[in-house]
Amino acid sequence: MALVVAAGAALLRITRAKTTLRLPGPDTTRQSLNRLRAMKRRMEAFVGPWLPDPLLTAPDDAEDVDLAESVSMGLMIVLETLSPTGRSVFVLREAFDVSGDEIAAAVGKSPAACTVRKLGCRR
C-alpha cells in the first residue's frame, strides 16, 4: 500500500512538472523505493514510550453469567428439597422480605413455626 502511495506521489510530481505524460522510468521507481524504505525506517524507529497491556480490573461478563447460572442452579436444588410450606416461607421471607406474621397468616401456621421453618431452610 505504501509503495502505491509513493508511486502515486512520484507520478503526481512528474505530471505537474511536465504537460505530457510519460511512463515512469528508473527515476520514479528509485524515488518510490527510497520513500518506501524511509517509511519503513520511521515505523521501526519509534522513540516514544511503550505502554503496557491494559489490566483487566473488572471480571469478565462470561464469569458473571457463570456465577448467575451456578447461583440459580443452587437455589433450584434448595427449593426442590424443601416442602411446599417451607418453600413458601423461604421465598416470601428471602425474596420478598415479607414479615413473619404475614407469612404465618398466608401459610396457616403460627409465627413461631414459620420462624423455625425459615431457620431450617437456611441450613
PDB file of N, CA and C in Angstrom:
ATOM      1  N   MET A   1       0.827  -1.188   0.000  1.00  0.00           N
ATOM      2  CA  MET A   1       0.000   0.000   0.000  1.00  0.00           C
ATOM      3  C   MET A   1       0.870   1.250   0.000  1.00  0.00           C
ATOM      4  N   ALA A   2       1.946   1.231   0.827  1.00  0.00           N
ATOM      5  CA  ALA A   2       2.829   2.383   0.906  1.00  0.00           C
ATOM      6  C   ALA A   2       3.557   2.598  -0.417  1.00  0.00           C
ATOM      7  N   LEU A   3       3.878   1.488  -1.102  1.00  0.00           N
ATOM      8  CA  LEU A   3       4.549   1.599  -2.397  1.00  0.00           C
ATOM      9  C   LEU A   3       3.633   2.256  -3.414  1.00  0.00           C
ATOM     10  N   VAL A   4       2.362   1.940  -3.380  1.00  0.00           N
ATOM     11  CA  VAL A   4       1.398   2.538  -4.306  1.00  0.00           C
ATOM     12  C   VAL A   4       1.278   4.034  -4.042  1.00  0.00           C
ATOM     13  N   VAL A   5       1.248   4.417  -2.763  1.00  0.00           N
ATOM     14  CA  VAL A   5       1.156   5.834  -2.407  1.00  0.00           C
ATOM     15  C   VAL A   5       2.406   6.575  -2.866  1.00  0.00           C
ATOM     16  N   ALA A   6       3.566   5.943  -2.641  1.00  0.00           N
ATOM     17  CA  ALA A   6       4.820   6.581  -3.050  1.00  0.00           C
ATOM     18  C   ALA A   6       4.886   6.723  -4.567  1.00  0.00           C
ATOM     19  N   ALA A   7       4.460   5.694  -5.291  1.00  0.00           N
ATOM     20  CA  ALA A   7       4.472   5.758  -6.756  1.00  0.00           C
ATOM     21  C   ALA A   7       3.492   6.822  -7.253  1.00  0.00           C
ATOM     22  N   GLY A   8       2.341   6.894  -6.592  1.00  0.00           N
ATOM     23  CA  GLY A   8       1.361   7.913  -6.974  1.00  0.00           C
ATOM     24  C   GLY A   8       1.881   9.316  -6.729  1.00  0.00           C
ATOM     25  N   ALA A   9       2.581   9.521  -5.612  1.00  0.00           N
ATOM     26  CA  ALA A   9       3.150  10.839  -5.323  1.00  0.00           C
ATOM     27  C   ALA A   9       4.219  11.211  -6.345  1.00  0.00           C
ATOM     28  N   ALA A  10       5.036  10.229  -6.701  1.00  0.00           N
ATOM     29  CA  ALA A  10       6.073  10.494  -7.700  1.00  0.00           C
ATOM     30  C   ALA A  10       5.446  10.822  -9.053  1.00  0.00           C
ATOM     31  N   LEU A  11       4.405  10.098  -9.429  1.00  0.00           N
ATOM     32  CA  LEU A  11       3.734  10.377 -10.701  1.00  0.00           C
ATOM     33  C   LEU A  11       3.079  11.758 -10.690  1.00  0.00           C
ATOM     34  N   LEU A  12       2.536  12.139  -9.571  1.00  0.00           N
ATOM     35  CA  LEU A  12       1.901  13.444  -9.451  1.00  0.00           C
ATOM     36  C   LEU A  12       2.928  14.554  -9.634  1.00  0.00           C
ATOM     37  N   ARG A  13       4.094  14.375  -9.013  1.00  0.00           N
ATOM     38  CA  ARG A  13       5.152  15.389  -9.195  1.00  0.00           C
ATOM     39  C   ARG A  13       5.601  15.477 -10.653  1.00  0.00           C
ATOM     40  N   ILE A  14       5.704  14.337 -11.299  1.00  0.00           N
ATOM     41  CA  ILE A  14       6.151  14.321 -12.702  1.00  0.00           C
ATOM     42  C   ILE A  14       5.095  14.978 -13.588  1.00  0.00           C
ATOM     43  N   THR A  15       3.838  14.655 -13.385  1.00  0.00           N
ATOM     44  CA  THR A  15       2.801  15.209 -14.259  1.00  0.00           C
ATOM     45  C   THR A  15       2.602  16.698 -14.035  1.00  0.00           C
ATOM     46  N   ARG A  16       2.844  17.183 -12.841  1.00  0.00           N
ATOM     47  CA  ARG A  16       2.727  18.619 -12.600  1.00  0.00           C
ATOM     48  C   ARG A  16       3.892  19.384 -13.234  1.00  0.00           C
ATOM     49  N   ALA A  17       5.028  18.736 -13.267  1.00  0.00           N
ATOM     50  CA  ALA A  17       6.206  19.407 -13.819  1.00  0.00           C
ATOM     51  C   ALA A  17       6.134  19.496 -15.347  1.00  0.00           C
ATOM     52  N   LYS A  18       5.589  18.502 -15.966  1.00  0.00           N
ATOM     53  CA  LYS A  18       5.524  18.466 -17.431  1.00  0.00           C
ATOM     54  C   LYS A  18       4.080  18.295 -17.870  1.00  0.00           C
ATOM     55  N   THR A  19       3.786  18.760 -19.050  1.00  0.00           N
ATOM     56  CA  THR A  19       2.419  18.660 -19.553  1.00  0.00           C
ATOM     57  C   THR A  19       2.168  17.320 -20.222  1.00  0.00           C
ATOM     58  N   THR A  20       3.177  16.665 -20.705  1.00  0.00           N
ATOM     59  CA  THR A  20       2.980  15.366 -21.361  1.00  0.00           C
ATOM     60  C   THR A  20       3.222  14.249 -20.354  1.00  0.00           C
ATOM     61  N   LEU A  21       2.455  13.227 -20.473  1.00  0.00           N
ATOM     62  CA  LEU A  21       2.569  12.085 -19.572  1.00  0.00           C
ATOM     63  C   LEU A  21       3.475  11.053 -20.197  1.00  0.00           C
ATOM     64  N   ARG A  22       4.412  10.610 -19.426  1.00  0.00           N
ATOM     65  CA  ARG A  22       5.287   9.550 -19.917  1.00  0.00           C
ATOM     66  C   ARG A  22       5.290   8.428 -18.892  1.00  0.00           C
ATOM     67  N   LEU A  23       5.682   7.284 -19.320  1.00  0.00           N
ATOM     68  CA  LEU A  23       5.723   6.131 -18.432  1.00  0.00           C
ATOM     69  C   LEU A  23       6.794   6.335 -17.369  1.00  0.00           C
ATOM     70  N   PRO A  24       6.564   5.848 -16.194  1.00  0.00           N
ATOM     71  CA  PRO A  24       7.563   6.010 -15.151  1.00  0.00           C
ATOM     72  C   PRO A  24       8.833   5.253 -15.505  1.00  0.00           C
ATOM     73  N   GLY A  25       9.911   5.908 -15.301  1.00  0.00           N
ATOM     74  CA  GLY A  25      11.205   5.302 -15.607  1.00  0.00           C
ATOM     75  C   GLY A  25      11.934   4.931 -14.331  1.00  0.00           C
ATOM     76  N   PRO A  26      13.237   4.758 -14.451  1.00  0.00           N
ATOM     77  CA  PRO A  26      14.017   4.360 -13.288  1.00  0.00           C
ATOM     78  C   PRO A  26      14.017   5.420 -12.182  1.00  0.00           C
ATOM     79  N   ASP A  27      13.861   6.700 -12.561  1.00  0.00           N
ATOM     80  CA  ASP A  27      13.822   7.756 -11.538  1.00  0.00           C
ATOM     81  C   ASP A  27      12.629   7.555 -10.605  1.00  0.00           C
ATOM     82  N   THR A  28      11.471   7.340 -11.205  1.00  0.00           N
ATOM     83  CA  THR A  28      10.255   7.187 -10.419  1.00  0.00           C
ATOM     84  C   THR A  28      10.327   5.932  -9.548  1.00  0.00           C
ATOM     85  N   THR A  29      10.842   4.855 -10.109  1.00  0.00           N
ATOM     86  CA  THR A  29      10.959   3.614  -9.352  1.00  0.00           C
ATOM     87  C   THR A  29      11.906   3.805  -8.173  1.00  0.00           C
ATOM     88  N   ARG A  30      13.033   4.456  -8.406  1.00  0.00           N
ATOM     89  CA  ARG A  30      14.003   4.695  -7.343  1.00  0.00           C
ATOM     90  C   ARG A  30      13.407   5.586  -6.262  1.00  0.00           C
ATOM     91  N   GLN A  31      12.693   6.630  -6.679  1.00  0.00           N
ATOM     92  CA  GLN A  31      12.061   7.517  -5.702  1.00  0.00           C
ATOM     93  C   GLN A  31      11.031   6.766  -4.855  1.00  0.00           C
ATOM     94  N   SER A  32      10.264   5.915  -5.508  1.00  0.00           N
ATOM     95  CA  SER A  32       9.250   5.144  -4.791  1.00  0.00           C
ATOM     96  C   SER A  32       9.889   4.194  -3.791  1.00  0.00           C
ATOM     97  N   LEU A  33      10.939   3.512  -4.223  1.00  0.00           N
ATOM     98  CA  LEU A  33      11.611   2.582  -3.315  1.00  0.00           C
ATOM     99  C   LEU A  33      12.289   3.320  -2.157  1.00  0.00           C
ATOM    100  N   ASN A  34      12.886   4.474  -2.436  1.00  0.00           N
ATOM    101  CA  ASN A  34      13.503   5.260  -1.362  1.00  0.00           C
ATOM    102  C   ASN A  34      12.457   5.725  -0.351  1.00  0.00           C
ATOM    103  N   ARG A  35      11.325   6.164  -0.864  1.00  0.00           N
ATOM    104  CA  ARG A  35      10.258   6.607   0.040  1.00  0.00           C
ATOM    105  C   ARG A  35       9.725   5.442   0.881  1.00  0.00           C
ATOM    106  N   LEU A  36       9.594   4.286   0.257  1.00  0.00           N
ATOM    107  CA  LEU A  36       9.135   3.110   0.972  1.00  0.00           C
ATOM    108  C   LEU A  36      10.128   2.731   2.074  1.00  0.00           C
ATOM    109  N   ARG A  37      11.410   2.745   1.772  1.00  0.00           N
ATOM    110  CA  ARG A  37      12.430   2.427   2.787  1.00  0.00           C
ATOM    111  C   ARG A  37      12.405   3.443   3.924  1.00  0.00           C
ATOM    112  N   ALA A  38      12.224   4.727   3.588  1.00  0.00           N
ATOM    113  CA  ALA A  38      12.178   5.757   4.626  1.00  0.00           C
ATOM    114  C   ALA A  38      10.959   5.560   5.531  1.00  0.00           C
ATOM    115  N   MET A  39       9.824   5.223   4.930  1.00  0.00           N
ATOM    116  CA  MET A  39       8.622   4.990   5.733  1.00  0.00           C
ATOM    117  C   MET A  39       8.812   3.783   6.640  1.00  0.00           C
ATOM    118  N   LYS A  40       9.477   2.752   6.135  1.00  0.00           N
ATOM    119  CA  LYS A  40       9.712   1.559   6.926  1.00  0.00           C
ATOM    120  C   LYS A  40      10.634   1.873   8.107  1.00  0.00           C
ATOM    121  N   ARG A  41      11.664   2.688   7.863  1.00  0.00           N
ATOM    122  CA  ARG A  41      12.589   3.076   8.943  1.00  0.00           C
ATOM    123  C   ARG A  41      11.853   3.888  10.005  1.00  0.00           C
ATOM    124  N   ARG A  42      10.971   4.786   9.564  1.00  0.00           N
ATOM    125  CA  ARG A  42      10.215   5.584  10.524  1.00  0.00           C
ATOM    126  C   ARG A  42       9.321   4.712  11.393  1.00  0.00           C
ATOM    127  N   MET A  43       8.736   3.691  10.800  1.00  0.00           N
ATOM    128  CA  MET A  43       7.880   2.800  11.578  1.00  0.00           C
ATOM    129  C   MET A  43       8.709   1.973  12.560  1.00  0.00           C
ATOM    130  N   GLU A  44       9.917   1.562  12.170  1.00  0.00           N
ATOM    131  CA  GLU A  44      10.743   0.727  13.032  1.00  0.00           C
ATOM    132  C   GLU A  44      11.414   1.524  14.135  1.00  0.00           C
ATOM    133  N   ALA A  45      11.709   2.785  13.894  1.00  0.00           N
ATOM    134  CA  ALA A  45      12.467   3.597  14.845  1.00  0.00           C
ATOM    135  C   ALA A  45      11.534   4.459  15.689  1.00  0.00           C
ATOM    136  N   PHE A  46      10.646   3.842  16.418  1.00  0.00           N
ATOM    137  CA  PHE A  46       9.723   4.566  17.282  1.00  0.00           C
ATOM    138  C   PHE A  46      10.438   4.895  18.582  1.00  0.00           C
ATOM    139  N   VAL A  47      10.469   6.158  18.946  1.00  0.00           N
ATOM    140  CA  VAL A  47      11.210   6.560  20.140  1.00  0.00           C
ATOM    141  C   VAL A  47      10.300   6.898  21.310  1.00  0.00           C
ATOM    142  N   GLY A  48       9.008   6.817  21.136  1.00  0.00           N
ATOM    143  CA  GLY A  48       8.070   7.141  22.209  1.00  0.00           C
ATOM    144  C   GLY A  48       8.000   6.030  23.245  1.00  0.00           C
ATOM    145  N   PRO A  49       7.328   6.288  24.344  1.00  0.00           N
ATOM    146  CA  PRO A  49       7.222   5.265  25.393  1.00  0.00           C
ATOM    147  C   PRO A  49       6.229   4.172  24.996  1.00  0.00           C
ATOM    148  N   TRP A  50       6.600   2.952  25.285  1.00  0.00           N
ATOM    149  CA  TRP A  50       5.695   1.839  25.041  1.00  0.00           C
ATOM    150  C   TRP A  50       4.843   1.646  26.273  1.00  0.00           C
ATOM    151  N   LEU A  51       3.553   1.549  26.070  1.00  0.00           N
ATOM    152  CA  LEU A  51       2.633   1.374  27.181  1.00  0.00           C
ATOM    153  C   LEU A  51       2.362  -0.111  27.393  1.00  0.00           C
ATOM    154  N   PRO A  52       2.243  -0.535  28.633  1.00  0.00           N
ATOM    155  CA  PRO A  52       1.946  -1.951  28.872  1.00  0.00           C
ATOM    156  C   PRO A  52       0.516  -2.280  28.459  1.00  0.00           C
ATOM    157  N   ASP A  53       0.254  -3.563  28.333  1.00  0.00           N
ATOM    158  CA  ASP A  53      -1.101  -4.008  28.009  1.00  0.00           C
ATOM    159  C   ASP A  53      -2.036  -3.619  29.147  1.00  0.00           C
ATOM    160  N   PRO A  54      -3.270  -3.262  28.830  1.00  0.00           N
ATOM    161  CA  PRO A  54      -4.201  -2.878  29.909  1.00  0.00           C
ATOM    162  C   PRO A  54      -4.512  -4.074  30.794  1.00  0.00           C
ATOM    163  N   LEU A  55      -4.652  -3.798  32.070  1.00  0.00           N
ATOM    164  CA  LEU A  55      -5.003  -4.834  33.030  1.00  0.00           C
ATOM    165  C   LEU A  55      -6.515  -4.928  33.140  1.00  0.00           C
ATOM    166  N   LEU A  56      -7.000  -6.136  33.270  1.00  0.00           N
ATOM    167  CA  LEU A  56      -8.430  -6.329  33.446  1.00  0.00           C
ATOM    168  C   LEU A  56      -8.752  -6.117  34.919  1.00  0.00           C
ATOM    169  N   THR A  57      -9.482  -5.047  35.199  1.00  0.00           N
ATOM    170  CA  THR A  57      -9.821  -4.753  36.589  1.00  0.00           C
ATOM    171  C   THR A  57     -11.202  -5.265  36.949  1.00  0.00           C
ATOM    172  N   ALA A  58     -12.081  -5.361  35.990  1.00  0.00           N
ATOM    173  CA  ALA A  58     -13.435  -5.859  36.244  1.00  0.00           C
ATOM    174  C   ALA A  58     -13.517  -7.302  35.763  1.00  0.00           C
ATOM    175  N   PRO A  59     -14.296  -8.123  36.430  1.00  0.00           N
ATOM    176  CA  PRO A  59     -14.430  -9.503  35.971  1.00  0.00           C
ATOM    177  C   PRO A  59     -15.093  -9.557  34.599  1.00  0.00           C
ATOM    178  N   ASP A  60     -14.792 -10.603  33.910  1.00  0.00           N
ATOM    179  CA  ASP A  60     -15.322 -10.804  32.570  1.00  0.00           C
ATOM    180  C   ASP A  60     -16.833 -11.063  32.637  1.00  0.00           C
ATOM    181  N   ASP A  61     -17.554 -10.649  31.608  1.00  0.00           N
ATOM    182  CA  ASP A  61     -19.001 -10.863  31.569  1.00  0.00           C
ATOM    183  C   ASP A  61     -19.341 -12.351  31.580  1.00  0.00           C
ATOM    184  N   ALA A  62     -18.494 -13.155  30.959  1.00  0.00           N
ATOM    185  CA  ALA A  62     -18.739 -14.594  30.941  1.00  0.00           C
ATOM    186  C   ALA A  62     -18.678 -15.170  32.351  1.00  0.00           C
ATOM    187  N   GLU A  63     -17.781 -14.632  33.187  1.00  0.00           N
ATOM    188  CA  GLU A  63     -17.705 -15.090  34.575  1.00  0.00           C
ATOM    189  C   GLU A  63     -18.978 -14.713  35.328  1.00  0.00           C
ATOM    190  N   ASP A  64     -19.530 -13.539  35.048  1.00  0.00           N
ATOM    191  CA  ASP A  64     -20.787 -13.129  35.686  1.00  0.00           C
ATOM    192  C   ASP A  64     -21.925 -14.066  35.304  1.00  0.00           C
ATOM    193  N   VAL A  65     -21.966 -14.465  34.045  1.00  0.00           N
ATOM    194  CA  VAL A  65     -23.010 -15.374  33.579  1.00  0.00           C
ATOM    195  C   VAL A  65     -22.851 -16.731  34.262  1.00  0.00           C
ATOM    196  N   ASP A  66     -21.608 -17.220  34.361  1.00  0.00           N
ATOM    197  CA  ASP A  66     -21.370 -18.499  35.029  1.00  0.00           C
ATOM    198  C   ASP A  66     -21.794 -18.440  36.489  1.00  0.00           C
ATOM    199  N   LEU A  67     -21.466 -17.334  37.164  1.00  0.00           N
ATOM    200  CA  LEU A  67     -21.842 -17.184  38.568  1.00  0.00           C
ATOM    201  C   LEU A  67     -23.365 -17.157  38.728  1.00  0.00           C
ATOM    202  N   ALA A  68     -24.035 -16.409  37.857  1.00  0.00           N
ATOM    203  CA  ALA A  68     -25.503 -16.327  37.929  1.00  0.00           C
ATOM    204  C   ALA A  68     -26.137 -17.696  37.687  1.00  0.00           C
ATOM    205  N   GLU A  69     -25.590 -18.448  36.730  1.00  0.00           N
ATOM    206  CA  GLU A  69     -26.135 -19.781  36.453  1.00  0.00           C
ATOM    207  C   GLU A  69     -25.921 -20.725  37.626  1.00  0.00           C
ATOM    208  N   SER A  70     -24.741 -20.653  38.252  1.00  0.00           N
ATOM    209  CA  SER A  70     -24.482 -21.561  39.371  1.00  0.00           C
ATOM    210  C   SER A  70     -25.347 -21.195  40.579  1.00  0.00           C
ATOM    211  N   VAL A  71     -25.568 -19.892  40.824  1.00  0.00           N
ATOM    212  CA  VAL A  71     -26.443 -19.478  41.917  1.00  0.00           C
ATOM    213  C   VAL A  71     -27.876 -19.918  41.641  1.00  0.00           C
ATOM    214  N   SER A  72     -28.330 -19.770  40.408  1.00  0.00           N
ATOM    215  CA  SER A  72     -29.689 -20.198  40.044  1.00  0.00           C
ATOM    216  C   SER A  72     -29.849 -21.694  40.235  1.00  0.00           C
ATOM    217  N   MET A  73     -28.842 -22.457  39.808  1.00  0.00           N
ATOM    218  CA  MET A  73     -28.926 -23.908  39.947  1.00  0.00           C
ATOM    219  C   MET A  73     -28.933 -24.309  41.422  1.00  0.00           C
ATOM    220  N   GLY A  74     -28.117 -23.661  42.236  1.00  0.00           N
ATOM    221  CA  GLY A  74     -28.091 -23.941  43.665  1.00  0.00           C
ATOM    222  C   GLY A  74     -29.422 -23.621  44.331  1.00  0.00           C
ATOM    223  N   LEU A  75     -30.014 -22.498  43.964  1.00  0.00           N
ATOM    224  CA  LEU A  75     -31.308 -22.115  44.521  1.00  0.00           C
ATOM    225  C   LEU A  75     -32.392 -23.105  44.107  1.00  0.00           C
ATOM    226  N   MET A  76     -32.355 -23.562  42.866  1.00  0.00           N
ATOM    227  CA  MET A  76     -33.335 -24.548  42.402  1.00  0.00           C
ATOM    228  C   MET A  76     -33.207 -25.853  43.195  1.00  0.00           C
ATOM    229  N   ILE A  77     -31.974 -26.278  43.466  1.00  0.00           N
ATOM    230  CA  ILE A  77     -31.764 -27.512  44.234  1.00  0.00           C
ATOM    231  C   ILE A  77     -32.301 -27.343  45.652  1.00  0.00           C
ATOM    232  N   VAL A  78     -32.022 -26.185  46.262  1.00  0.00           N
ATOM    233  CA  VAL A  78     -32.510 -25.931  47.618  1.00  0.00           C
ATOM    234  C   VAL A  78     -34.034 -25.931  47.640  1.00  0.00           C
ATOM    235  N   LEU A  79     -34.661 -25.270  46.691  1.00  0.00           N
ATOM    236  CA  LEU A  79     -36.119 -25.200  46.665  1.00  0.00           C
ATOM    237  C   LEU A  79     -36.756 -26.568  46.410  1.00  0.00           C
ATOM    238  N   GLU A  80     -36.089 -27.429  45.627  1.00  0.00           N
ATOM    239  CA  GLU A  80     -36.635 -28.763  45.367  1.00  0.00           C
ATOM    240  C   GLU A  80     -36.581 -29.642  46.602  1.00  0.00           C
ATOM    241  N   THR A  81     -35.623 -29.403  47.491  1.00  0.00           N
ATOM    242  CA  THR A  81     -35.509 -30.245  48.693  1.00  0.00           C
ATOM    243  C   THR A  81     -36.482 -29.827  49.784  1.00  0.00           C
ATOM    244  N   LEU A  82     -37.063 -28.638  49.682  1.00  0.00           N
ATOM    245  CA  LEU A  82     -37.970 -28.150  50.727  1.00  0.00           C
ATOM    246  C   LEU A  82     -39.400 -28.633  50.492  1.00  0.00           C
ATOM    247  N   SER A  83     -40.157 -28.660  51.564  1.00  0.00           N
ATOM    248  CA  SER A  83     -41.589 -28.969  51.453  1.00  0.00           C
ATOM    249  C   SER A  83     -42.287 -27.741  50.862  1.00  0.00           C
ATOM    250  N   PRO A  84     -43.520 -27.887  50.373  1.00  0.00           N
ATOM    251  CA  PRO A  84     -44.224 -26.718  49.819  1.00  0.00           C
ATOM    252  C   PRO A  84     -44.368 -25.574  50.824  1.00  0.00           C
ATOM    253  N   THR A  85     -44.633 -25.886  52.099  1.00  0.00           N
ATOM    254  CA  THR A  85     -44.744 -24.828  53.109  1.00  0.00           C
ATOM    255  C   THR A  85     -43.394 -24.178  53.348  1.00  0.00           C
ATOM    256  N   GLY A  86     -42.360 -24.992  53.455  1.00  0.00           N
ATOM    257  CA  GLY A  86     -41.001 -24.458  53.651  1.00  0.00           C
ATOM    258  C   GLY A  86     -40.560 -23.599  52.477  1.00  0.00           C
ATOM    259  N   ARG A  87     -40.907 -24.030  51.265  1.00  0.00           N
ATOM    260  CA  ARG A  87     -40.593 -23.262  50.058  1.00  0.00           C
ATOM    261  C   ARG A  87     -41.300 -21.908  50.090  1.00  0.00           C
ATOM    262  N   SER A  88     -42.558 -21.903  50.498  1.00  0.00           N
ATOM    263  CA  SER A  88     -43.322 -20.649  50.573  1.00  0.00           C
ATOM    264  C   SER A  88     -42.706 -19.711  51.597  1.00  0.00           C
ATOM    265  N   VAL A  89     -42.372 -20.244  52.775  1.00  0.00           N
ATOM    266  CA  VAL A  89     -41.768 -19.418  53.826  1.00  0.00           C
ATOM    267  C   VAL A  89     -40.439 -18.840  53.344  1.00  0.00           C
ATOM    268  N   PHE A  90     -39.608 -19.678  52.729  1.00  0.00           N
ATOM    269  CA  PHE A  90     -38.290 -19.240  52.269  1.00  0.00           C
ATOM    270  C   PHE A  90     -38.407 -18.142  51.209  1.00  0.00           C
ATOM    271  N   VAL A  91     -39.249 -18.356  50.218  1.00  0.00           N
ATOM    272  CA  VAL A  91     -39.372 -17.387  49.122  1.00  0.00           C
ATOM    273  C   VAL A  91     -39.986 -16.081  49.611  1.00  0.00           C
ATOM    274  N   LEU A  92     -41.025 -16.176  50.416  1.00  0.00           N
ATOM    275  CA  LEU A  92     -41.663 -14.944  50.907  1.00  0.00           C
ATOM    276  C   LEU A  92     -40.702 -14.132  51.778  1.00  0.00           C
ATOM    277  N   ARG A  93     -39.912 -14.807  52.598  1.00  0.00           N
ATOM    278  CA  ARG A  93     -39.018 -14.080  53.506  1.00  0.00           C
ATOM    279  C   ARG A  93     -37.777 -13.561  52.779  1.00  0.00           C
ATOM    280  N   GLU A  94     -37.116 -14.417  52.011  1.00  0.00           N
ATOM    281  CA  GLU A  94     -35.836 -14.053  51.401  1.00  0.00           C
ATOM    282  C   GLU A  94     -35.998 -13.201  50.139  1.00  0.00           C
ATOM    283  N   ALA A  95     -36.971 -13.536  49.314  1.00  0.00           N
ATOM    284  CA  ALA A  95     -37.116 -12.816  48.049  1.00  0.00           C
ATOM    285  C   ALA A  95     -37.958 -11.556  48.189  1.00  0.00           C
ATOM    286  N   PHE A  96     -39.046 -11.642  48.962  1.00  0.00           N
ATOM    287  CA  PHE A  96     -39.970 -10.521  49.035  1.00  0.00           C
ATOM    288  C   PHE A  96     -39.915  -9.773  50.358  1.00  0.00           C
ATOM    289  N   ASP A  97     -39.112 -10.247  51.309  1.00  0.00           N
ATOM    290  CA  ASP A  97     -38.906  -9.601  52.612  1.00  0.00           C
ATOM    291  C   ASP A  97     -40.239  -9.344  53.326  1.00  0.00           C
ATOM    292  N   VAL A  98     -41.103 -10.354  53.321  1.00  0.00           N
ATOM    293  CA  VAL A  98     -42.396 -10.277  53.995  1.00  0.00           C
ATOM    294  C   VAL A  98     -42.166 -10.588  55.476  1.00  0.00           C
ATOM    295  N   SER A  99     -42.898  -9.931  56.360  1.00  0.00           N
ATOM    296  CA  SER A  99     -42.715 -10.144  57.803  1.00  0.00           C
ATOM    297  C   SER A  99     -43.209 -11.534  58.218  1.00  0.00           C
ATOM    298  N   GLY A 100     -42.730 -11.998  59.379  1.00  0.00           N
ATOM    299  CA  GLY A 100     -43.080 -13.330  59.864  1.00  0.00           C
ATOM    300  C   GLY A 100     -44.551 -13.493  60.142  1.00  0.00           C
ATOM    301  N   ASP A 101     -45.206 -12.447  60.653  1.00  0.00           N
ATOM    302  CA  ASP A 101     -46.649 -12.537  60.937  1.00  0.00           C
ATOM    303  C   ASP A 101     -47.462 -12.689  59.657  1.00  0.00           C
ATOM    304  N   GLU A 102     -47.091 -11.954  58.617  1.00  0.00           N
ATOM    305  CA  GLU A 102     -47.810 -12.062  57.341  1.00  0.00           C
ATOM    306  C   GLU A 102     -47.598 -13.434  56.704  1.00  0.00           C
ATOM    307  N   ILE A 103     -46.381 -13.956  56.820  1.00  0.00           N
ATOM    308  CA  ILE A 103     -46.098 -15.293  56.270  1.00  0.00           C
ATOM    309  C   ILE A 103     -46.931 -16.332  57.018  1.00  0.00           C
ATOM    310  N   ALA A 104     -46.984 -16.202  58.360  1.00  0.00           N
ATOM    311  CA  ALA A 104     -47.753 -17.154  59.166  1.00  0.00           C
ATOM    312  C   ALA A 104     -49.223 -17.129  58.762  1.00  0.00           C
ATOM    313  N   ALA A 105     -49.780 -15.958  58.522  1.00  0.00           N
ATOM    314  CA  ALA A 105     -51.179 -15.857  58.100  1.00  0.00           C
ATOM    315  C   ALA A 105     -51.371 -16.458  56.712  1.00  0.00           C
ATOM    316  N   ALA A 106     -50.382 -16.297  55.819  1.00  0.00           N
ATOM    317  CA  ALA A 106     -50.514 -16.792  54.447  1.00  0.00           C
ATOM    318  C   ALA A 106     -50.447 -18.317  54.382  1.00  0.00           C
ATOM    319  N   VAL A 107     -49.585 -18.923  55.181  1.00  0.00           N
ATOM    320  CA  VAL A 107     -49.429 -20.381  55.100  1.00  0.00           C
ATOM    321  C   VAL A 107     -50.267 -21.124  56.146  1.00  0.00           C
ATOM    322  N   GLY A 108     -50.918 -20.402  57.055  1.00  0.00           N
ATOM    323  CA  GLY A 108     -51.782 -21.030  58.045  1.00  0.00           C
ATOM    324  C   GLY A 108     -51.035 -21.686  59.190  1.00  0.00           C
ATOM    325  N   LYS A 109     -49.869 -21.203  59.525  1.00  0.00           N
ATOM    326  CA  LYS A 109     -49.080 -21.734  60.639  1.00  0.00           C
ATOM    327  C   LYS A 109     -48.857 -20.620  61.648  1.00  0.00           C
ATOM    328  N   SER A 110     -48.352 -20.981  62.817  1.00  0.00           N
ATOM    329  CA  SER A 110     -48.043 -19.965  63.831  1.00  0.00           C
ATOM    330  C   SER A 110     -46.746 -19.246  63.453  1.00  0.00           C
ATOM    331  N   PRO A 111     -46.555 -18.003  63.925  1.00  0.00           N
ATOM    332  CA  PRO A 111     -45.310 -17.275  63.637  1.00  0.00           C
ATOM    333  C   PRO A 111     -44.069 -18.017  64.127  1.00  0.00           C
ATOM    334  N   ALA A 112     -44.184 -18.705  65.260  1.00  0.00           N
ATOM    335  CA  ALA A 112     -43.031 -19.463  65.774  1.00  0.00           C
ATOM    336  C   ALA A 112     -42.690 -20.615  64.828  1.00  0.00           C
ATOM    337  N   ALA A 113     -43.710 -21.295  64.318  1.00  0.00           N
ATOM    338  CA  ALA A 113     -43.470 -22.408  63.392  1.00  0.00           C
ATOM    339  C   ALA A 113     -42.837 -21.900  62.098  1.00  0.00           C
ATOM    340  N   CYS A 114     -43.264 -20.735  61.639  1.00  0.00           N
ATOM    341  CA  CYS A 114     -42.679 -20.147  60.412  1.00  0.00           C
ATOM    342  C   CYS A 114     -41.213 -19.770  60.632  1.00  0.00           C
ATOM    343  N   THR A 115     -40.916 -19.262  61.829  1.00  0.00           N
ATOM    344  CA  THR A 115     -39.532 -18.909  62.144  1.00  0.00           C
ATOM    345  C   THR A 115     -38.662 -20.161  62.154  1.00  0.00           C
ATOM    346  N   VAL A 116     -39.162 -21.236  62.737  1.00  0.00           N
ATOM    347  CA  VAL A 116     -38.416 -22.499  62.766  1.00  0.00           C
ATOM    348  C   VAL A 116     -38.202 -23.009  61.346  1.00  0.00           C
ATOM    349  N   ARG A 117     -39.235 -22.934  60.496  1.00  0.00           N
ATOM    350  CA  ARG A 117     -39.093 -23.382  59.101  1.00  0.00           C
ATOM    351  C   ARG A 117     -38.086 -22.520  58.342  1.00  0.00           C
ATOM    352  N   LYS A 118     -38.138 -21.214  58.612  1.00  0.00           N
ATOM    353  CA  LYS A 118     -37.204 -20.311  57.933  1.00  0.00           C
ATOM    354  C   LYS A 118     -35.760 -20.641  58.311  1.00  0.00           C
ATOM    355  N   LEU A 119     -35.526 -20.879  59.604  1.00  0.00           N
ATOM    356  CA  LEU A 119     -34.181 -21.229  60.049  1.00  0.00           C
ATOM    357  C   LEU A 119     -33.752 -22.587  59.500  1.00  0.00           C
ATOM    358  N   GLY A 120     -34.702 -23.507  59.415  1.00  0.00           N
ATOM    359  CA  GLY A 120     -34.394 -24.825  58.847  1.00  0.00           C
ATOM    360  C   GLY A 120     -34.061 -24.724  57.364  1.00  0.00           C
ATOM    361  N   CYS A 121     -34.723 -23.830  56.668  1.00  0.00           N
ATOM    362  CA  CYS A 121     -34.456 -23.647  55.219  1.00  0.00           C
ATOM    363  C   CYS A 121     -33.069 -23.073  54.989  1.00  0.00           C
ATOM    364  N   ARG A 122     -32.630 -22.207  55.871  1.00  0.00           N
ATOM    365  CA  ARG A 122     -31.316 -21.577  55.684  1.00  0.00           C
ATOM    366  C   ARG A 122     -30.175 -22.554  55.881  1.00  0.00           C
ATOM    367  N   ARG A 123     -30.426 -23.580  56.681  1.00  0.00           N
ATOM    368  CA  ARG A 123     -29.371 -24.578  56.907  1.00  0.00           C
ATOM    369  C   ARG A 123     -29.279 -25.459  55.703  1.00  0.00           C
TER     370      ARG A 123
END
